[in-house]
Amino acid sequence: MSDGPMVDAARAGQERQPSDYAGAIYGSLLAASVVAGTGPGKDPPHPVELMVLLLATGVVFWLSHVYAHLVGERGTGTHLSARHFRAAARRDWPIVQAAVPPAAAAGIGALLGMSDSGVAWLALGVAVGAQLGWALYVAAKADATRHRMVAVGVVNLVLGLVLVALKAALTH
């Protein structure tokens, strides 16, 4: 039932574009890659450095995705506006959000007195776990069959374990 064209138009303007769950999966994989790539052949970074690196990388990649979306839209002849920027920024924000749990894990690990290496492994585990969790959440939200849920879980777990193996190989 409609409340009238003015109310309907106002509601349409207020509708939010859904977040990009792929961005959360991608951001978690990015965070795991950042942790896996830190410290090979030397001591792991201090937890504060790791936290800053995780968050800064998330922000830079988020801005890169927003920019790519805006340039891509421009190629279709769409007139860019602040509304387009806000929509792209909001859609890709999960890339930044995905950096927060491993960064928080690094801070908590440091507060608990863990070694820098232990903090890095904790952050990596949290990033891989978040990646797997987001992938399974999205599959469940899409009413995936049990078979597809298992496949999604295995693919994401393998991607995460490749990063864990890389981290293990580079730290020894």
C-alpha atoms as a PDB file:
ATOM      1  CA  MET A   1       0.000   0.000   0.000  1.00  0.00           C
ATOM      2  CA  SER A   2       1.378   3.392  -0.984  1.00  0.00           C
ATOM      3  CA  ASP A   3       1.418   6.481   1.216  1.00  0.00           C
ATOM      4  CA  GLY A   4       1.482   8.687  -1.859  1.00  0.00           C
ATOM      5  CA  PRO A   5       4.062   9.611  -4.484  1.00  0.00           C
ATOM      6  CA  MET A   6       5.942  12.123  -2.304  1.00  0.00           C
ATOM      7  CA  VAL A   7       6.399   9.643   0.558  1.00  0.00           C
ATOM      8  CA  ASP A   8       7.316   6.847  -1.864  1.00  0.00           C
ATOM      9  CA  ALA A   9       9.921   9.087  -3.528  1.00  0.00           C
ATOM     10  CA  ALA A  10      11.364  10.085  -0.148  1.00  0.00           C
ATOM     11  CA  ARG A  11      11.626   6.442   0.892  1.00  0.00           C
ATOM     12  CA  ALA A  12      13.280   5.517  -2.397  1.00  0.00           C
ATOM     13  CA  GLY A  13      15.873   8.241  -1.851  1.00  0.00           C
ATOM     14  CA  GLN A  14      16.565   6.964   1.654  1.00  0.00           C
ATOM     15  CA  GLU A  15      16.991   3.319   0.683  1.00  0.00           C
ATOM     16  CA  ARG A  16      20.494   2.183   1.317  1.00  0.00           C
ATOM     17  CA  GLN A  17      22.378   0.101  -1.128  1.00  0.00           C
ATOM     18  CA  PRO A  18      23.307  -3.190   0.519  1.00  0.00           C
ATOM     19  CA  SER A  19      26.874  -3.737   1.617  1.00  0.00           C
ATOM     20  CA  ASP A  20      29.136  -5.789  -0.574  1.00  0.00           C
ATOM     21  CA  TYR A  21      29.661  -9.051   1.305  1.00  0.00           C
ATOM     22  CA  ALA A  22      32.223  -9.987  -1.318  1.00  0.00           C
ATOM     23  CA  GLY A  23      34.157  -7.003   0.018  1.00  0.00           C
ATOM     24  CA  ALA A  24      34.121  -8.532   3.499  1.00  0.00           C
ATOM     25  CA  ILE A  25      35.466 -11.829   2.140  1.00  0.00           C
ATOM     26  CA  TYR A  26      38.027 -10.004   0.020  1.00  0.00           C
ATOM     27  CA  GLY A  27      38.992  -7.689   2.891  1.00  0.00           C
ATOM     28  CA  SER A  28      39.518 -10.649   5.218  1.00  0.00           C
ATOM     29  CA  LEU A  29      41.708 -12.356   2.629  1.00  0.00           C
ATOM     30  CA  LEU A  30      43.571  -9.078   2.156  1.00  0.00           C
ATOM     31  CA  ALA A  31      44.128  -8.787   5.913  1.00  0.00           C
ATOM     32  CA  ALA A  32      45.405 -12.362   6.050  1.00  0.00           C
ATOM     33  CA  SER A  33      47.755 -11.558   3.156  1.00  0.00           C
ATOM     34  CA  VAL A  34      49.068  -8.500   4.977  1.00  0.00           C
ATOM     35  CA  VAL A  35      49.837 -10.545   8.080  1.00  0.00           C
ATOM     36  CA  ALA A  36      51.355 -13.388   6.032  1.00  0.00           C
ATOM     37  CA  GLY A  37      53.556 -10.927   4.172  1.00  0.00           C
ATOM     38  CA  THR A  38      54.951  -9.228   7.265  1.00  0.00           C
ATOM     39  CA  GLY A  39      58.254 -10.183   8.784  1.00  0.00           C
ATOM     40  CA  PRO A  40      59.634 -12.790   6.384  1.00  0.00           C
ATOM     41  CA  GLY A  41      63.331 -13.257   7.058  1.00  0.00           C
ATOM     42  CA  LYS A  42      63.266 -10.946  10.071  1.00  0.00           C
ATOM     43  CA  ASP A  43      61.366 -10.335  13.271  1.00  0.00           C
ATOM     44  CA  PRO A  44      57.607  -9.890  12.971  1.00  0.00           C
ATOM     45  CA  PRO A  45      56.323  -6.338  13.303  1.00  0.00           C
ATOM     46  CA  HIS A  46      55.425  -4.881  16.668  1.00  0.00           C
ATOM     47  CA  PRO A  47      51.677  -5.316  17.309  1.00  0.00           C
ATOM     48  CA  VAL A  48      51.010  -1.579  16.926  1.00  0.00           C
ATOM     49  CA  GLU A  49      52.809  -1.585  13.569  1.00  0.00           C
ATOM     50  CA  LEU A  50      50.776  -4.615  12.514  1.00  0.00           C
ATOM     51  CA  MET A  51      47.537  -2.912  13.559  1.00  0.00           C
ATOM     52  CA  VAL A  52      48.393   0.253  11.616  1.00  0.00           C
ATOM     53  CA  LEU A  53      49.468  -1.785   8.588  1.00  0.00           C
ATOM     54  CA  LEU A  54      46.236  -3.801   8.602  1.00  0.00           C
ATOM     55  CA  LEU A  55      43.981  -0.762   8.970  1.00  0.00           C
ATOM     56  CA  ALA A  56      45.920   1.416   6.515  1.00  0.00           C
ATOM     57  CA  THR A  57      45.944  -1.342   3.890  1.00  0.00           C
ATOM     58  CA  GLY A  58      42.196  -1.816   4.328  1.00  0.00           C
ATOM     59  CA  VAL A  59      41.589   1.913   3.849  1.00  0.00           C
ATOM     60  CA  VAL A  60      43.875   2.163   0.800  1.00  0.00           C
ATOM     61  CA  PHE A  61      42.249  -0.832  -0.888  1.00  0.00           C
ATOM     62  CA  TRP A  62      38.786   0.507  -0.006  1.00  0.00           C
ATOM     63  CA  LEU A  63      39.611   3.847  -1.633  1.00  0.00           C
ATOM     64  CA  SER A  64      41.043   1.995  -4.630  1.00  0.00           C
ATOM     65  CA  HIS A  65      37.818   0.018  -5.031  1.00  0.00           C
ATOM     66  CA  VAL A  66      35.680   3.136  -4.690  1.00  0.00           C
ATOM     67  CA  TYR A  67      37.823   4.899  -7.281  1.00  0.00           C
ATOM     68  CA  ALA A  68      37.637   1.901  -9.651  1.00  0.00           C
ATOM     69  CA  HIS A  69      33.841   1.788  -9.335  1.00  0.00           C
ATOM     70  CA  LEU A  70      33.538   5.500 -10.017  1.00  0.00           C
ATOM     71  CA  VAL A  71      35.864   5.359 -13.032  1.00  0.00           C
ATOM     72  CA  GLY A  72      33.976   2.306 -14.288  1.00  0.00           C
ATOM     73  CA  GLU A  73      30.655   4.121 -13.964  1.00  0.00           C
ATOM     74  CA  ARG A  74      32.098   7.123 -15.767  1.00  0.00           C
ATOM     75  CA  GLY A  75      32.966   4.821 -18.663  1.00  0.00           C
ATOM     76  CA  THR A  76      29.277   3.997 -19.019  1.00  0.00           C
ATOM     77  CA  GLY A  77      28.438   7.678 -19.463  1.00  0.00           C
ATOM     78  CA  THR A  78      27.012   8.045 -15.958  1.00  0.00           C
ATOM     79  CA  HIS A  79      27.379  11.525 -14.501  1.00  0.00           C
ATOM     80  CA  LEU A  80      29.323  11.204 -11.262  1.00  0.00           C
ATOM     81  CA  SER A  81      27.989  12.893  -8.176  1.00  0.00           C
ATOM     82  CA  ALA A  82      28.456  12.931  -4.438  1.00  0.00           C
ATOM     83  CA  ARG A  83      25.602  10.427  -4.288  1.00  0.00           C
ATOM     84  CA  HIS A  84      27.541   8.024  -6.551  1.00  0.00           C
ATOM     85  CA  PHE A  85      30.646   8.443  -4.394  1.00  0.00           C
ATOM     86  CA  ARG A  86      28.708   7.785  -1.175  1.00  0.00           C
ATOM     87  CA  ALA A  87      27.036   4.719  -2.669  1.00  0.00           C
ATOM     88  CA  ALA A  88      30.362   3.259  -3.851  1.00  0.00           C
ATOM     89  CA  ALA A  89      32.035   4.092  -0.537  1.00  0.00           C
ATOM     90  CA  ARG A  90      29.235   2.479   1.458  1.00  0.00           C
ATOM     91  CA  ARG A  91      29.112  -0.599  -0.791  1.00  0.00           C
ATOM     92  CA  ASP A  92      32.844  -1.263  -0.408  1.00  0.00           C
ATOM     93  CA  TRP A  93      33.163  -0.298   3.287  1.00  0.00           C
ATOM     94  CA  PRO A  94      33.306  -3.995   4.345  1.00  0.00           C
ATOM     95  CA  ILE A  95      36.848  -4.067   2.945  1.00  0.00           C
ATOM     96  CA  VAL A  96      37.883  -1.724   5.768  1.00  0.00           C
ATOM     97  CA  GLN A  97      35.661  -3.442   8.315  1.00  0.00           C
ATOM     98  CA  ALA A  98      37.356  -6.757   7.578  1.00  0.00           C
ATOM     99  CA  ALA A  99      40.686  -5.334   8.768  1.00  0.00           C
ATOM    100  CA  VAL A 100      39.286  -4.481  12.195  1.00  0.00           C
ATOM    101  CA  PRO A 101      39.020  -7.985  13.768  1.00  0.00           C
ATOM    102  CA  PRO A 102      42.635  -9.016  12.997  1.00  0.00           C
ATOM    103  CA  ALA A 103      43.865  -5.565  14.056  1.00  0.00           C
ATOM    104  CA  ALA A 104      41.886  -5.865  17.295  1.00  0.00           C
ATOM    105  CA  ALA A 105      43.271  -9.382  17.801  1.00  0.00           C
ATOM    106  CA  ALA A 106      46.786  -7.970  17.453  1.00  0.00           C
ATOM    107  CA  GLY A 107      46.037  -5.357  20.109  1.00  0.00           C
ATOM    108  CA  ILE A 108      44.431  -7.882  22.459  1.00  0.00           C
ATOM    109  CA  GLY A 109      47.305 -10.322  21.950  1.00  0.00           C
ATOM    110  CA  ALA A 110      49.788  -7.594  22.850  1.00  0.00           C
ATOM    111  CA  LEU A 111      47.775  -6.663  25.955  1.00  0.00           C
ATOM    112  CA  LEU A 112      47.822 -10.325  26.988  1.00  0.00           C
ATOM    113  CA  GLY A 113      51.607 -10.316  26.741  1.00  0.00           C
ATOM    114  CA  MET A 114      51.931 -12.490  23.660  1.00  0.00           C
ATOM    115  CA  SER A 115      55.151 -12.326  21.662  1.00  0.00           C
ATOM    116  CA  ASP A 116      55.149 -10.358  18.424  1.00  0.00           C
ATOM    117  CA  SER A 117      55.192 -13.659  16.537  1.00  0.00           C
ATOM    118  CA  GLY A 118      52.263 -14.984  18.579  1.00  0.00           C
ATOM    119  CA  VAL A 119      50.330 -11.777  17.915  1.00  0.00           C
ATOM    120  CA  ALA A 120      50.934 -12.133  14.170  1.00  0.00           C
ATOM    121  CA  TRP A 121      49.716 -15.747  14.209  1.00  0.00           C
ATOM    122  CA  LEU A 122      46.646 -14.738  16.216  1.00  0.00           C
ATOM    123  CA  ALA A 123      45.834 -11.934  13.753  1.00  0.00           C
ATOM    124  CA  LEU A 124      46.293 -14.335  10.843  1.00  0.00           C
ATOM    125  CA  GLY A 125      43.978 -16.895  12.440  1.00  0.00           C
ATOM    126  CA  VAL A 126      41.326 -14.257  13.057  1.00  0.00           C
ATOM    127  CA  ALA A 127      41.573 -12.983   9.468  1.00  0.00           C
ATOM    128  CA  VAL A 128      41.268 -16.487   8.005  1.00  0.00           C
ATOM    129  CA  GLY A 129      38.421 -17.325  10.393  1.00  0.00           C
ATOM    130  CA  ALA A 130      36.588 -14.135   9.417  1.00  0.00           C
ATOM    131  CA  GLN A 131      37.061 -14.893   5.729  1.00  0.00           C
ATOM    132  CA  LEU A 132      35.584 -18.347   6.211  1.00  0.00           C
ATOM    133  CA  GLY A 133      32.784 -16.981   8.379  1.00  0.00           C
ATOM    134  CA  TRP A 134      31.786 -14.289   5.865  1.00  0.00           C
ATOM    135  CA  ALA A 135      31.827 -16.770   2.987  1.00  0.00           C
ATOM    136  CA  LEU A 136      29.594 -19.194   4.884  1.00  0.00           C
ATOM    137  CA  TYR A 137      27.289 -16.362   5.997  1.00  0.00           C
ATOM    138  CA  VAL A 138      26.812 -15.209   2.416  1.00  0.00           C
ATOM    139  CA  ALA A 139      26.194 -18.773   1.220  1.00  0.00           C
ATOM    140  CA  ALA A 140      23.643 -19.355   3.985  1.00  0.00           C
ATOM    141  CA  LYS A 141      21.939 -16.037   3.228  1.00  0.00           C
ATOM    142  CA  ALA A 142      21.628 -17.172  -0.397  1.00  0.00           C
ATOM    143  CA  ASP A 143      19.953 -20.402   0.789  1.00  0.00           C
ATOM    144  CA  ALA A 144      22.844 -22.522  -0.472  1.00  0.00           C
ATOM    145  CA  THR A 145      22.450 -26.258  -0.305  1.00  0.00           C
ATOM    146  CA  ARG A 146      24.511 -28.203   2.202  1.00  0.00           C
ATOM    147  CA  HIS A 147      26.749 -29.377  -0.647  1.00  0.00           C
ATOM    148  CA  ARG A 148      27.359 -25.788  -1.787  1.00  0.00           C
ATOM    149  CA  MET A 149      28.014 -24.667   1.821  1.00  0.00           C
ATOM    150  CA  VAL A 150      30.684 -27.348   2.137  1.00  0.00           C
ATOM    151  CA  ALA A 151      32.202 -26.314  -1.200  1.00  0.00           C
ATOM    152  CA  VAL A 152      32.239 -22.637  -0.191  1.00  0.00           C
ATOM    153  CA  GLY A 153      33.814 -23.545   3.139  1.00  0.00           C
ATOM    154  CA  VAL A 154      36.481 -25.742   1.545  1.00  0.00           C
ATOM    155  CA  VAL A 155      37.429 -23.150  -1.097  1.00  0.00           C
ATOM    156  CA  ASN A 156      37.743 -20.375   1.470  1.00  0.00           C
ATOM    157  CA  LEU A 157      39.567 -22.572   3.936  1.00  0.00           C
ATOM    158  CA  VAL A 158      42.057 -23.600   1.238  1.00  0.00           C
ATOM    159  CA  LEU A 159      42.632 -19.940   0.320  1.00  0.00           C
ATOM    160  CA  GLY A 160      43.247 -19.114   3.970  1.00  0.00           C
ATOM    161  CA  LEU A 161      45.469 -22.143   4.548  1.00  0.00           C
ATOM    162  CA  VAL A 162      47.604 -21.192   1.549  1.00  0.00           C
ATOM    163  CA  LEU A 163      48.340 -17.930   3.351  1.00  0.00           C
ATOM    164  CA  VAL A 164      49.052 -19.772   6.601  1.00  0.00           C
ATOM    165  CA  ALA A 165      51.444 -22.090   4.755  1.00  0.00           C
ATOM    166  CA  LEU A 166      53.101 -19.093   3.122  1.00  0.00           C
ATOM    167  CA  LYS A 167      53.533 -17.407   6.502  1.00  0.00           C
ATOM    168  CA  ALA A 168      54.969 -20.601   7.987  1.00  0.00           C
ATOM    169  CA  ALA A 169      57.377 -21.072   5.074  1.00  0.00           C
ATOM    170  CA  LEU A 170      58.570 -17.458   5.149  1.00  0.00           C
ATOM    171  CA  THR A 171      59.124 -17.344   8.896  1.00  0.00           C
ATOM    172  CA  HIS A 172      61.408 -20.378   8.968  1.00  0.00           C
END
